[in-house]
Structure formats: structure tokens, C-alpha cells
C-alpha atoms as a PDB file:
ATOM      1  CA  MET A   1      69.585  11.906  58.385  1.00  0.00           C
ATOM      2  CA  SER A   2      73.250  11.264  58.871  1.00  0.00           C
ATOM      3  CA  LEU A   3      74.718   7.892  57.864  1.00  0.00           C
ATOM      4  CA  LYS A   4      75.713   7.226  61.480  1.00  0.00           C
ATOM      5  CA  LYS A   5      72.156   7.759  62.729  1.00  0.00           C
ATOM      6  CA  TYR A   6      70.742   5.689  59.865  1.00  0.00           C
ATOM      7  CA  LEU A   7      72.983   2.733  60.709  1.00  0.00           C
ATOM      8  CA  SER A   8      72.050   2.858  64.367  1.00  0.00           C
ATOM      9  CA  THR A   9      68.336   2.864  63.673  1.00  0.00           C
ATOM     10  CA  LYS A  10      68.111   0.526  60.687  1.00  0.00           C
ATOM     11  CA  PHE A  11      70.774  -2.094  61.326  1.00  0.00           C
ATOM     12  CA  ASN A  12      70.273  -3.219  64.919  1.00  0.00           C
ATOM     13  CA  TRP A  13      69.915  -6.992  65.406  1.00  0.00           C
ATOM     14  CA  ASP A  14      66.381  -8.222  64.756  1.00  0.00           C
ATOM     15  CA  VAL A  15      65.907 -11.728  66.220  1.00  0.00           C
ATOM     16  CA  SER A  16      62.136 -11.717  66.550  1.00  0.00           C
ATOM     17  CA  GLY A  17      61.817 -14.417  63.892  1.00  0.00           C
ATOM     18  CA  LEU A  18      64.168 -16.873  65.630  1.00  0.00           C
ATOM     19  CA  ALA A  19      63.393 -19.546  68.176  1.00  0.00           C
ATOM     20  CA  ALA A  20      65.480 -19.754  71.342  1.00  0.00           C
ATOM     21  CA  TYR A  21      68.802 -21.435  70.596  1.00  0.00           C
ATOM     22  CA  VAL A  22      69.588 -24.766  72.210  1.00  0.00           C
ATOM     23  CA  ASP A  23      73.140 -26.079  71.769  1.00  0.00           C
ATOM     24  CA  GLU A  24      72.850 -29.735  70.761  1.00  0.00           C
ATOM     25  CA  GLN A  25      76.276 -30.030  69.155  1.00  0.00           C
ATOM     26  CA  ARG A  26      78.198 -31.142  72.262  1.00  0.00           C
ATOM     27  CA  GLU A  27      78.651 -34.913  72.461  1.00  0.00           C
ATOM     28  CA  ASP A  28      79.279 -35.095  76.216  1.00  0.00           C
ATOM     29  CA  LEU A  29      76.765 -37.362  77.938  1.00  0.00           C
ATOM     30  CA  ILE A  30      75.616 -36.769  81.508  1.00  0.00           C
ATOM     31  CA  VAL A  31      74.523 -40.079  83.005  1.00  0.00           C
ATOM     32  CA  LYS A  32      72.196 -40.666  85.925  1.00  0.00           C
ATOM     33  CA  SER A  33      74.016 -41.200  89.214  1.00  0.00           C
ATOM     34  CA  VAL A  34      74.568 -44.792  90.332  1.00  0.00           C
ATOM     35  CA  THR A  35      75.284 -45.672  93.954  1.00  0.00           C
ATOM     36  CA  GLU A  36      78.625 -47.391  94.348  1.00  0.00           C
ATOM     37  CA  ALA A  37      78.612 -51.110  95.164  1.00  0.00           C
ATOM     38  CA  ARG A  38      81.001 -52.035  97.973  1.00  0.00           C
ATOM     39  CA  THR A  39      80.228 -55.515  99.316  1.00  0.00           C
ATOM     40  CA  LEU A  40      82.653 -57.416  97.086  1.00  0.00           C
ATOM     41  CA  GLN A  41      85.505 -55.224  98.350  1.00  0.00           C
ATOM     42  CA  TYR A  42      85.144 -56.785 101.806  1.00  0.00           C
ATOM     43  CA  VAL A  43      83.870 -60.370 101.554  1.00  0.00           C
ATOM     44  CA  SER A  44      85.723 -63.539 100.553  1.00  0.00           C
ATOM     45  CA  ILE A  45      85.407 -64.491  96.871  1.00  0.00           C
ATOM     46  CA  GLN A  46      85.542 -68.168  95.942  1.00  0.00           C
ATOM     47  CA  GLN A  47      86.057 -68.780  92.231  1.00  0.00           C
ATOM     48  CA  GLY A  48      85.703 -71.846  90.032  1.00  0.00           C
ATOM     49  CA  ILE A  49      82.079 -72.654  90.961  1.00  0.00           C
ATOM     50  CA  LYS A  50      79.862 -73.627  88.039  1.00  0.00           C
ATOM     51  CA  GLY A  51      76.907 -75.148  89.864  1.00  0.00           C
ATOM     52  CA  SER A  52      77.364 -76.162  93.474  1.00  0.00           C
ATOM     53  CA  GLN A  53      80.480 -76.648  95.524  1.00  0.00           C
ATOM     54  CA  GLU A  54      81.197 -77.563  99.125  1.00  0.00           C
ATOM     55  CA  LEU A  55      82.875 -75.150 101.500  1.00  0.00           C
ATOM     56  CA  LYS A  56      85.351 -77.363 103.378  1.00  0.00           C
ATOM     57  CA  LEU A  57      84.950 -76.763 107.125  1.00  0.00           C
ATOM     58  CA  MET A  58      87.071 -77.849 110.079  1.00  0.00           C
ATOM     59  CA  ASP A  59      86.588 -77.557 113.812  1.00  0.00           C
ATOM     60  CA  ASP A  60      88.760 -78.792 116.659  1.00  0.00           C
ATOM     61  CA  SER A  61      89.315 -78.468 120.398  1.00  0.00           C
ATOM     62  CA  ILE A  62      92.172 -78.430 122.896  1.00  0.00           C
ATOM     63  CA  VAL A  63      91.701 -80.411 126.115  1.00  0.00           C
ATOM     64  CA  TYR A  64      94.355 -79.732 128.743  1.00  0.00           C
ATOM     65  CA  GLN A  65      95.529 -82.536 131.025  1.00  0.00           C
ATOM     66  CA  ASP A  66      98.142 -83.030 133.671  1.00  0.00           C
ATOM     67  CA  GLY A  67     101.445 -83.204 131.818  1.00  0.00           C
ATOM     68  CA  ASP A  68     102.623 -86.581 133.067  1.00  0.00           C
ATOM     69  CA  CYS A  69     102.898 -90.102 131.749  1.00  0.00           C
ATOM     70  CA  THR A  70      99.161 -90.691 132.113  1.00  0.00           C
ATOM     71  CA  MET A  71      98.200 -88.302 129.279  1.00  0.00           C
ATOM     72  CA  THR A  72      95.704 -89.773 126.814  1.00  0.00           C
ATOM     73  CA  PRO A  73      94.448 -88.563 123.410  1.00  0.00           C
ATOM     74  CA  ASP A  74      91.412 -86.310 123.761  1.00  0.00           C
ATOM     75  CA  GLY A  75      89.512 -83.965 121.419  1.00  0.00           C
ATOM     76  CA  ASP A  76      88.346 -84.629 117.876  1.00  0.00           C
ATOM     77  CA  THR A  77      89.242 -82.848 114.667  1.00  0.00           C
ATOM     78  CA  VAL A  78      85.880 -82.506 112.948  1.00  0.00           C
ATOM     79  CA  PHE A  79      85.529 -82.040 109.188  1.00  0.00           C
ATOM     80  CA  THR A  80      82.207 -80.948 107.698  1.00  0.00           C
ATOM     81  CA  ASP A  81      81.074 -79.085 104.623  1.00  0.00           C
ATOM     82  CA  ARG A  82      78.436 -76.603 103.568  1.00  0.00           C
ATOM     83  CA  ALA A  83      77.226 -76.224 100.005  1.00  0.00           C
ATOM     84  CA  ILE A  84      77.444 -72.969  98.114  1.00  0.00           C
ATOM     85  CA  ALA A  85      75.397 -72.859  94.923  1.00  0.00           C
ATOM     86  CA  VAL A  86      75.667 -70.291  92.161  1.00  0.00           C
ATOM     87  CA  GLU A  87      73.139 -69.076  89.641  1.00  0.00           C
ATOM     88  CA  THR A  88      74.077 -68.378  86.031  1.00  0.00           C
ATOM     89  CA  LEU A  89      72.813 -64.891  85.248  1.00  0.00           C
ATOM     90  CA  GLY A  90      73.313 -62.346  82.500  1.00  0.00           C
ATOM     91  CA  TYR A  91      71.985 -59.341  80.679  1.00  0.00           C
ATOM     92  CA  MET A  92      71.680 -58.455  76.998  1.00  0.00           C
ATOM     93  CA  LYS A  93      70.929 -55.256  75.091  1.00  0.00           C
ATOM     94  CA  SER A  94      70.472 -54.324  71.441  1.00  0.00           C
ATOM     95  CA  PHE A  95      71.070 -50.986  69.731  1.00  0.00           C
ATOM     96  CA  CYS A  96      69.556 -49.911  66.408  1.00  0.00           C
ATOM     97  CA  GLN A  97      71.327 -46.821  65.092  1.00  0.00           C
ATOM     98  CA  LYS A  98      68.308 -45.826  62.964  1.00  0.00           C
ATOM     99  CA  ASP A  99      66.541 -44.863  66.203  1.00  0.00           C
ATOM    100  CA  LEU A 100      69.056 -42.026  66.655  1.00  0.00           C
ATOM    101  CA  ASP A 101      68.319 -40.327  63.334  1.00  0.00           C
ATOM    102  CA  GLY A 102      66.612 -36.937  63.515  1.00  0.00           C
ATOM    103  CA  PHE A 103      67.685 -36.102  67.074  1.00  0.00           C
ATOM    104  CA  TRP A 104      70.832 -34.689  68.696  1.00  0.00           C
ATOM    105  CA  THR A 105      71.831 -38.337  69.213  1.00  0.00           C
ATOM    106  CA  GLN A 106      72.773 -38.551  65.520  1.00  0.00           C
ATOM    107  CA  LEU A 107      75.912 -36.616  66.440  1.00  0.00           C
ATOM    108  CA  GLY A 108      77.354 -39.948  67.569  1.00  0.00           C
ATOM    109  CA  LEU A 109      76.757 -41.686  64.240  1.00  0.00           C
ATOM    110  CA  ARG A 110      79.677 -42.354  61.912  1.00  0.00           C
ATOM    111  CA  PRO A 111      79.525 -40.945  58.373  1.00  0.00           C
ATOM    112  CA  GLY A 112      78.080 -43.398  55.883  1.00  0.00           C
ATOM    113  CA  ALA A 113      74.723 -45.195  55.874  1.00  0.00           C
ATOM    114  CA  MET A 114      76.329 -48.627  56.280  1.00  0.00           C
ATOM    115  CA  ALA A 115      79.280 -47.638  58.447  1.00  0.00           C
ATOM    116  CA  GLU A 116      77.066 -46.034  61.079  1.00  0.00           C
ATOM    117  CA  ASP A 117      75.360 -49.365  61.763  1.00  0.00           C
ATOM    118  CA  LYS A 118      78.568 -51.132  62.741  1.00  0.00           C
ATOM    119  CA  THR A 119      79.777 -48.831  65.525  1.00  0.00           C
ATOM    120  CA  LEU A 120      78.096 -48.178  68.856  1.00  0.00           C
ATOM    121  CA  PRO A 121      77.703 -44.412  69.375  1.00  0.00           C
ATOM    122  CA  PHE A 122      78.856 -43.099  72.755  1.00  0.00           C
ATOM    123  CA  GLU A 123      80.349 -46.532  73.396  1.00  0.00           C
ATOM    124  CA  ALA A 124      82.683 -45.556  76.244  1.00  0.00           C
ATOM    125  CA  GLN A 125      79.960 -43.749  78.189  1.00  0.00           C
ATOM    126  CA  ILE A 126      77.370 -46.484  77.638  1.00  0.00           C
ATOM    127  CA  ILE A 127      79.707 -49.318  78.673  1.00  0.00           C
ATOM    128  CA  SER A 128      80.935 -47.464  81.758  1.00  0.00           C
ATOM    129  CA  TYR A 129      77.393 -46.707  82.860  1.00  0.00           C
ATOM    130  CA  LEU A 130      76.164 -50.263  82.300  1.00  0.00           C
ATOM    131  CA  LEU A 131      79.034 -51.667  84.364  1.00  0.00           C
ATOM    132  CA  GLN A 132      78.184 -49.267  87.201  1.00  0.00           C
ATOM    133  CA  LEU A 133      74.536 -50.329  87.060  1.00  0.00           C
ATOM    134  CA  HIS A 134      75.575 -53.983  86.977  1.00  0.00           C
ATOM    135  CA  SER A 135      77.757 -53.533  90.050  1.00  0.00           C
ATOM    136  CA  PHE A 136      74.968 -51.811  91.982  1.00  0.00           C
ATOM    137  CA  GLU A 137      72.300 -54.349  91.042  1.00  0.00           C
ATOM    138  CA  LEU A 138      74.637 -57.194  92.036  1.00  0.00           C
ATOM    139  CA  ASP A 139      75.270 -55.560  95.420  1.00  0.00           C
ATOM    140  CA  LYS A 140      71.535 -55.506  96.093  1.00  0.00           C
ATOM    141  CA  LEU A 141      71.200 -59.114  94.926  1.00  0.00           C
ATOM    142  CA  ILE A 142      74.010 -60.262  97.260  1.00  0.00           C
ATOM    143  CA  TRP A 143      72.021 -59.076 100.286  1.00  0.00           C
ATOM    144  CA  LYS A 144      68.343 -58.866  99.316  1.00  0.00           C
ATOM    145  CA  GLY A 145      68.005 -61.638  96.739  1.00  0.00           C
ATOM    146  CA  ASN A 146      65.162 -64.093  97.364  1.00  0.00           C
ATOM    147  CA  LYS A 147      64.198 -66.652  94.734  1.00  0.00           C
ATOM    148  CA  ALA A 148      60.903 -67.425  96.444  1.00  0.00           C
ATOM    149  CA  THR A 149      59.453 -63.961  97.024  1.00  0.00           C
ATOM    150  CA  GLY A 150      61.772 -61.476  95.317  1.00  0.00           C
ATOM    151  CA  SER A 151      60.720 -59.481  92.281  1.00  0.00           C
ATOM    152  CA  GLY A 152      62.681 -58.362  89.240  1.00  0.00           C
ATOM    153  CA  ASN A 153      66.432 -58.783  89.619  1.00  0.00           C
ATOM    154  CA  LEU A 154      66.028 -59.786  93.273  1.00  0.00           C
ATOM    155  CA  SER A 155      64.269 -63.018  92.271  1.00  0.00           C
ATOM    156  CA  LYS A 156      67.332 -64.469  90.545  1.00  0.00           C
ATOM    157  CA  MET A 157      69.385 -65.542  93.573  1.00  0.00           C
ATOM    158  CA  ASN A 158      69.177 -66.033  97.338  1.00  0.00           C
ATOM    159  CA  GLY A 159      71.157 -63.330  99.110  1.00  0.00           C
ATOM    160  CA  PHE A 160      72.646 -63.300 102.606  1.00  0.00           C
ATOM    161  CA  ARG A 161      69.520 -61.790 104.159  1.00  0.00           C
ATOM    162  CA  GLN A 162      67.381 -64.700 102.989  1.00  0.00           C
ATOM    163  CA  PHE A 163      69.129 -67.279 105.192  1.00  0.00           C
ATOM    164  CA  LEU A 164      71.110 -65.302 107.797  1.00  0.00           C
ATOM    165  CA  THR A 165      68.406 -65.339 110.448  1.00  0.00           C
ATOM    166  CA  VAL A 166      68.222 -66.117 114.147  1.00  0.00           C
ATOM    167  CA  ALA A 167      65.768 -68.917 113.308  1.00  0.00           C
ATOM    168  CA  ASN A 168      68.437 -70.550 111.143  1.00  0.00           C
ATOM    169  CA  GLY A 169      71.019 -70.435 113.932  1.00  0.00           C
ATOM    170  CA  CYS A 170      72.580 -66.958 113.766  1.00  0.00           C
ATOM    171  CA  VAL A 171      73.246 -64.979 116.950  1.00  0.00           C
ATOM    172  CA  ASN A 172      70.476 -62.590 118.005  1.00  0.00           C
ATOM    173  CA  LEU A 173      72.153 -59.188 118.463  1.00  0.00           C
ATOM    174  CA  ASN A 174      68.883 -57.519 119.477  1.00  0.00           C
ATOM    175  CA  ASP A 175      68.561 -59.349 122.795  1.00  0.00           C
ATOM    176  CA  ASN A 176      66.934 -56.335 124.453  1.00  0.00           C
ATOM    177  CA  SER A 177      64.175 -56.174 121.805  1.00  0.00           C
ATOM    178  CA  VAL A 178      64.699 -52.644 120.484  1.00  0.00           C
ATOM    179  CA  ALA A 179      61.827 -51.738 118.169  1.00  0.00           C
ATOM    180  CA  SER A 180      63.754 -49.555 115.724  1.00  0.00           C
ATOM    181  CA  ILE A 181      67.036 -47.713 115.264  1.00  0.00           C
ATOM    182  CA  SER A 182      67.250 -43.916 115.244  1.00  0.00           C
ATOM    183  CA  ALA A 183      69.734 -41.062 115.495  1.00  0.00           C
ATOM    184  CA  SER A 184      69.296 -41.070 119.287  1.00  0.00           C
ATOM    185  CA  ASN A 185      69.877 -44.781 119.993  1.00  0.00           C
ATOM    186  CA  ALA A 186      72.164 -45.878 117.141  1.00  0.00           C
ATOM    187  CA  PHE A 187      75.333 -45.956 119.233  1.00  0.00           C
ATOM    188  CA  ASP A 188      73.650 -48.151 121.864  1.00  0.00           C
ATOM    189  CA  VAL A 189      72.308 -50.462 119.134  1.00  0.00           C
ATOM    190  CA  PHE A 190      75.688 -50.918 117.478  1.00  0.00           C
ATOM    191  CA  TYR A 191      77.481 -51.284 120.817  1.00  0.00           C
ATOM    192  CA  ASN A 192      75.002 -53.988 121.767  1.00  0.00           C
ATOM    193  CA  CYS A 193      75.800 -55.713 118.470  1.00  0.00           C
ATOM    194  CA  PHE A 194      79.470 -55.616 119.439  1.00  0.00           C
ATOM    195  CA  ILE A 195      79.060 -57.104 122.903  1.00  0.00           C
ATOM    196  CA  ASN A 196      76.660 -59.825 121.691  1.00  0.00           C
ATOM    197  CA  THR A 197      78.942 -60.992 118.881  1.00  0.00           C
ATOM    198  CA  PRO A 198      80.732 -64.234 119.861  1.00  0.00           C
ATOM    199  CA  ALA A 199      84.106 -63.393 121.438  1.00  0.00           C
ATOM    200  CA  ASN A 200      86.119 -65.548 119.034  1.00  0.00           C
ATOM    201  CA  VAL A 201      84.631 -63.536 116.150  1.00  0.00           C
ATOM    202  CA  ALA A 202      84.866 -60.108 117.779  1.00  0.00           C
ATOM    203  CA  GLU A 203      88.563 -60.654 118.509  1.00  0.00           C
ATOM    204  CA  ALA A 204      89.445 -61.749 114.967  1.00  0.00           C
ATOM    205  CA  ASN A 205      91.561 -59.474 112.781  1.00  0.00           C
ATOM    206  CA  ASP A 206      88.878 -59.402 110.080  1.00  0.00           C
ATOM    207  CA  PHE A 207      85.924 -58.693 112.400  1.00  0.00           C
ATOM    208  CA  ILE A 208      83.394 -56.623 110.450  1.00  0.00           C
ATOM    209  CA  CYS A 209      79.891 -55.216 110.685  1.00  0.00           C
ATOM    210  CA  PHE A 210      77.684 -54.612 107.632  1.00  0.00           C
ATOM    211  CA  THR A 211      74.755 -52.199 107.543  1.00  0.00           C
ATOM    212  CA  GLY A 212      72.881 -49.925 105.144  1.00  0.00           C
ATOM    213  CA  ARG A 213      73.029 -46.204 104.496  1.00  0.00           C
ATOM    214  CA  GLU A 214      70.188 -45.205 106.824  1.00  0.00           C
ATOM    215  CA  ASN A 215      71.616 -47.024 109.862  1.00  0.00           C
ATOM    216  CA  PHE A 216      75.085 -45.678 109.115  1.00  0.00           C
ATOM    217  CA  ASN A 217      73.776 -42.115 108.935  1.00  0.00           C
ATOM    218  CA  PHE A 218      71.874 -42.582 112.201  1.00  0.00           C
ATOM    219  CA  LEU A 219      75.093 -43.732 113.834  1.00  0.00           C
ATOM    220  CA  THR A 220      77.266 -40.872 112.582  1.00  0.00           C
ATOM    221  CA  LYS A 221      74.608 -38.342 113.687  1.00  0.00           C
ATOM    222  CA  ASN A 222      74.411 -39.964 117.125  1.00  0.00           C
ATOM    223  CA  LEU A 223      78.205 -39.972 117.496  1.00  0.00           C
ATOM    224  CA  VAL A 224      78.514 -36.331 116.495  1.00  0.00           C
ATOM    225  CA  ASP A 225      75.701 -35.299 118.847  1.00  0.00           C
ATOM    226  CA  ASP A 226      77.434 -37.138 121.699  1.00  0.00           C
ATOM    227  CA  ASN A 227      80.858 -35.721 120.790  1.00  0.00           C
ATOM    228  CA  LEU A 228      82.160 -39.239 120.179  1.00  0.00           C
ATOM    229  CA  PHE A 229      83.117 -38.691 116.568  1.00  0.00           C
ATOM    230  CA  HIS A 230      86.089 -36.851 115.131  1.00  0.00           C
ATOM    231  CA  TYR A 231      86.074 -35.891 111.466  1.00  0.00           C
ATOM    232  CA  ASN A 232      89.294 -36.230 109.545  1.00  0.00           C
ATOM    233  CA  PRO A 233      88.929 -33.567 106.810  1.00  0.00           C
ATOM    234  CA  ALA A 234      90.729 -35.841 104.364  1.00  0.00           C
ATOM    235  CA  ASN A 235      87.999 -38.469 104.769  1.00  0.00           C
ATOM    236  CA  ILE A 236      84.852 -36.381 104.751  1.00  0.00           C
ATOM    237  CA  GLY A 237      84.222 -37.115 101.076  1.00  0.00           C
ATOM    238  CA  ASP A 238      84.555 -40.882 101.502  1.00  0.00           C
ATOM    239  CA  LEU A 239      82.823 -41.702 104.758  1.00  0.00           C
ATOM    240  CA  ASN A 240      81.799 -45.317 104.112  1.00  0.00           C
ATOM    241  CA  GLU A 241      83.198 -47.032 107.188  1.00  0.00           C
ATOM    242  CA  LEU A 242      84.184 -46.264 110.766  1.00  0.00           C
ATOM    243  CA  ILE A 243      85.407 -47.930 113.936  1.00  0.00           C
ATOM    244  CA  LEU A 244      82.774 -47.835 116.662  1.00  0.00           C
ATOM    245  CA  PRO A 245      84.288 -45.787 119.523  1.00  0.00           C
ATOM    246  CA  GLY A 246      85.445 -47.962 122.406  1.00  0.00           C
ATOM    247  CA  THR A 247      85.561 -51.113 120.272  1.00  0.00           C
ATOM    248  CA  ASN A 248      87.478 -52.742 117.433  1.00  0.00           C
ATOM    249  CA  MET A 249      84.294 -53.172 115.353  1.00  0.00           C
ATOM    250  CA  ARG A 250      84.664 -51.837 111.826  1.00  0.00           C
ATOM    251  CA  ILE A 251      81.252 -50.793 110.516  1.00  0.00           C
ATOM    252  CA  VAL A 252      80.914 -50.765 106.734  1.00  0.00           C
ATOM    253  CA  LYS A 253      78.092 -49.129 104.803  1.00  0.00           C
ATOM    254  CA  VAL A 254      76.970 -51.382 101.933  1.00  0.00           C
ATOM    255  CA  ASN A 255      74.285 -50.189  99.567  1.00  0.00           C
ATOM    256  CA  GLY A 256      72.799 -53.650  99.192  1.00  0.00           C
ATOM    257  CA  LEU A 257      71.281 -53.114 102.661  1.00  0.00           C
ATOM    258  CA  ASN A 258      69.864 -49.645 101.976  1.00  0.00           C
ATOM    259  CA  GLY A 259      66.269 -49.284 103.106  1.00  0.00           C
ATOM    260  CA  LEU A 260      66.607 -51.987 105.767  1.00  0.00           C
ATOM    261  CA  ASP A 261      67.478 -51.796 109.446  1.00  0.00           C
ATOM    262  CA  ASN A 262      69.446 -55.067 109.333  1.00  0.00           C
ATOM    263  CA  ILE A 263      72.906 -55.228 110.901  1.00  0.00           C
ATOM    264  CA  TYR A 264      75.238 -58.208 110.423  1.00  0.00           C
ATOM    265  CA  THR A 265      78.472 -59.000 112.241  1.00  0.00           C
ATOM    266  CA  GLY A 266      81.037 -61.694 111.551  1.00  0.00           C
ATOM    267  CA  ARG A 267      84.423 -62.302 110.052  1.00  0.00           C
ATOM    268  CA  ALA A 268      84.848 -60.786 106.583  1.00  0.00           C
ATOM    269  CA  SER A 269      86.484 -64.006 105.377  1.00  0.00           C
ATOM    270  CA  GLN A 270      83.371 -65.970 106.317  1.00  0.00           C
ATOM    271  CA  PHE A 271      80.962 -63.970 104.196  1.00  0.00           C
ATOM    272  CA  VAL A 272      81.595 -65.943 101.014  1.00  0.00           C
ATOM    273  CA  PHE A 273      80.645 -64.883  97.505  1.00  0.00           C
ATOM    274  CA  GLY A 274      80.891 -67.700  94.983  1.00  0.00           C
ATOM    275  CA  THR A 275      81.428 -67.294  91.256  1.00  0.00           C
ATOM    276  CA  ASP A 276      83.148 -68.903  88.288  1.00  0.00           C
ATOM    277  CA  LEU A 277      85.537 -66.087  87.377  1.00  0.00           C
ATOM    278  CA  SER A 278      85.488 -62.745  89.177  1.00  0.00           C
ATOM    279  CA  SER A 279      86.525 -61.099  85.923  1.00  0.00           C
ATOM    280  CA  ASP A 280      83.173 -62.118  84.400  1.00  0.00           C
ATOM    281  CA  PHE A 281      81.529 -59.101  86.025  1.00  0.00           C
ATOM    282  CA  GLU A 282      83.438 -56.725  83.761  1.00  0.00           C
ATOM    283  CA  ASN A 283      83.493 -58.907  80.649  1.00  0.00           C
ATOM    284  CA  PHE A 284      80.984 -58.634  77.822  1.00  0.00           C
ATOM    285  CA  ASP A 285      80.592 -59.339  74.118  1.00  0.00           C
ATOM    286  CA  LEU A 286      79.781 -56.498  71.744  1.00  0.00           C
ATOM    287  CA  TRP A 287      79.063 -57.277  68.109  1.00  0.00           C
ATOM    288  CA  TYR A 288      77.272 -56.090  64.999  1.00  0.00           C
ATOM    289  CA  SER A 289      74.710 -58.469  63.534  1.00  0.00           C
ATOM    290  CA  GLN A 290      74.263 -58.075  59.803  1.00  0.00           C
ATOM    291  CA  ASP A 291      71.188 -60.324  59.924  1.00  0.00           C
ATOM    292  CA  ASP A 292      69.061 -57.783  61.790  1.00  0.00           C
ATOM    293  CA  ASP A 293      71.236 -54.668  61.408  1.00  0.00           C
ATOM    294  CA  VAL A 294      71.728 -53.994  65.128  1.00  0.00           C
ATOM    295  CA  ILE A 295      74.566 -54.058  67.660  1.00  0.00           C
ATOM    296  CA  TYR A 296      74.242 -56.499  70.549  1.00  0.00           C
ATOM    297  CA  LEU A 297      75.836 -56.399  73.998  1.00  0.00           C
ATOM    298  CA  ARG A 298      75.760 -59.511  76.180  1.00  0.00           C
ATOM    299  CA  SER A 299      77.278 -60.467  79.517  1.00  0.00           C
ATOM    300  CA  LYS A 300      77.032 -63.657  81.628  1.00  0.00           C
ATOM    301  CA  PHE A 301      78.297 -64.447  85.121  1.00  0.00           C
ATOM    302  CA  ARG A 302      77.725 -66.808  88.043  1.00  0.00           C
ATOM    303  CA  ALA A 303      76.881 -65.695  91.559  1.00  0.00           C
ATOM    304  CA  GLY A 304      75.919 -67.156  94.921  1.00  0.00           C
ATOM    305  CA  VAL A 305      76.542 -66.504  98.628  1.00  0.00           C
ATOM    306  CA  GLN A 306      77.073 -68.609 101.710  1.00  0.00           C
ATOM    307  CA  VAL A 307      78.643 -68.563 105.169  1.00  0.00           C
ATOM    308  CA  PRO A 308      80.483 -71.561 106.660  1.00  0.00           C
ATOM    309  CA  PHE A 309      79.214 -71.243 110.259  1.00  0.00           C
ATOM    310  CA  LEU A 310      75.804 -69.713 110.927  1.00  0.00           C
ATOM    311  CA  SER A 311      76.516 -69.640 114.667  1.00  0.00           C
ATOM    312  CA  GLN A 312      79.326 -67.122 114.101  1.00  0.00           C
ATOM    313  CA  ILE A 313      77.144 -64.574 112.288  1.00  0.00           C
ATOM    314  CA  GLY A 314      75.300 -61.972 114.343  1.00  0.00           C
ATOM    315  CA  VAL A 315      72.006 -60.461 113.150  1.00  0.00           C
ATOM    316  CA  TRP A 316      70.208 -57.335 114.367  1.00  0.00           C
ATOM    317  CA  ASN A 317      66.709 -56.482 113.228  1.00  0.00           C
ATOM    318  CA  GLY A 318      64.262 -54.126 114.924  1.00  0.00           C
ATOM    319  CA  THR A 319      61.224 -55.817 116.431  1.00  0.00           C
ATOM    320  CA  SER A 320      58.931 -53.436 114.528  1.00  0.00           C
ATOM    321  CA  SER A 321      60.553 -54.204 111.166  1.00  0.00           C
ATOM    322  CA  PRO A 322      60.127 -57.231 108.896  1.00  0.00           C
ATOM    323  CA  ASN A 323      62.877 -59.846 109.157  1.00  0.00           C
END
């Protein structure tokens, strides 16, 4: 047998004794997707509230008279207030580096048995992800929070939906008693919301309409089907708001209303979010505790919502859906 033939028959790769290779040396983390929170980009934020504070309200009127010497004072300037209360909330986590030993996660540990305890592995990715989760959970709390009947995070604060009701004095936008919204009636529903919103609100520069993802998708489908919607290619990737054709009503998709058919109209400046410092939402403490050999992360903030005039907020809810 020639040497060439011997090499080809005796020295081929033999990998039958190896398990399938899995590359666990890369330190890139892929995190679960988090829906973006948007509400705080649109509403009014009032800072400096530690417990409860009054929103200072004023109303007035103009009474025209004949412009002669018989004119008399008429019309009162009325001052009132409406309380906005905030809850002190927070979250805290602990990390024990020993739990990472023996898995691919040990790639993030620093060299040295003591040194590894004092640094949080994958710190940038973990902090970024937690802040995204915090933002999303807060967005849901702003709208769906209910201290009386909510569960989990939603039990910590009363959100807009808890008190913005027709029974409490808001404007009923569903005056024709539509049972539910769909891709075939969404334009009519939103247009009805527009025409039923008080004129002084609908003509304001900051007139806005809030709704969830499902309603927003119904509307865009309805507009496209009726050839009432024009896509700007530059905006296809960020379609989170639109102007309802034939109106000045800016409709904003907020993820705190996902899963609900609720629609709210009003002035953006009169949806008030109260807090102590808006920067608290991105602030946290991160420290190593030698007492129990773990790293702690803690964040605290204050949050609450209110509107100054219930009669200037419009509410739509399908008659077949819970309020």
C-alpha cells in the first residue's frame, strides 16, 4: 500500500467519540423583548410631590354687555383644587455570584474567589433590561392600576382607568352604544370620539387621544381598507401615532392600555403624572454586601395620576366590555 493511500484511509477525522459542540464562550446576552412605554412622553409631569398635593385650578367667564356708562362687573374668577396623591414604590434584587459557577454564566465572573463577589457580571445588560422592564410596568400601572382590585404590580397605585369614568363625570364618547370595536368600524368609533369631545378641548393645541395596541391596529387596518391612510416609508417602522383623517385628533398608542378597548380624549397637559423627581425612575443603588456576600440593587420612586377637570376628559368603552 502506498503512503498516500495509507494516509487517506487511516488518518481521516474520527469524531464518533465527541458530543455535539455548543459554543458557550460568547458573553453576548440576548434579552427577552420588552414593549416600549410611551405614556410619560405625552402627559404632564408634576414633580416635588411626596405624599399628596393640590392641583391649583382656575375657571372664569366673560359676560358681554353694552359698552356704555352703565356697564357693571359680572362673572366670577373661580379657584378650586384637586388632590393628586403619590405612592412610594420600589423594587430590589440580590445577586449571588456562586449561583453562576459551573455554567456558561461563569464567563462573566472576575478572576479571583473574592474579587468575583464584588462585581455584577453582565452589569450593563442587566441594568438596561431592568430599566426597560421598569418603564413598561410603570406604563401599565399609570393606566390599569387599581389598589382595590388589582393584582401584583397593578395593586400598588390607582391609574387613570380607575377613576376616569362616565359615572365620575367624564364625557361619554360612546353615545350610540357600540358593543365593540373592530377593523370594520374603528374609523367610525374614533370619529365619534372626536365629535363628542368638548369643543374647547378638541380645538386645543395639545388635544390628544390615548388607546391601546389592539384598537390602534383596528384603526390602521380600517383606514387602509378604506383608502384613507397613506404610509410614509420613513415612518413605517415607528407607527405609534397618527392624525385621524378629517380631524385634528392625534391618536397615540400607549401600551398601558393594551388588551382593553378603552379610548380617552383630552388635553395632554391635563393628564397629570405626579412624582417626587422624574429622574428617580432611572436611579438605583448597586452595592456589595460583605455581610451576606451578595450584590444588591435597589430603586425607589413616587408615582400617582390625576386630571384637573373630569368633565373635559372623554371616555369610550364598548358596551360588551367591562368598564
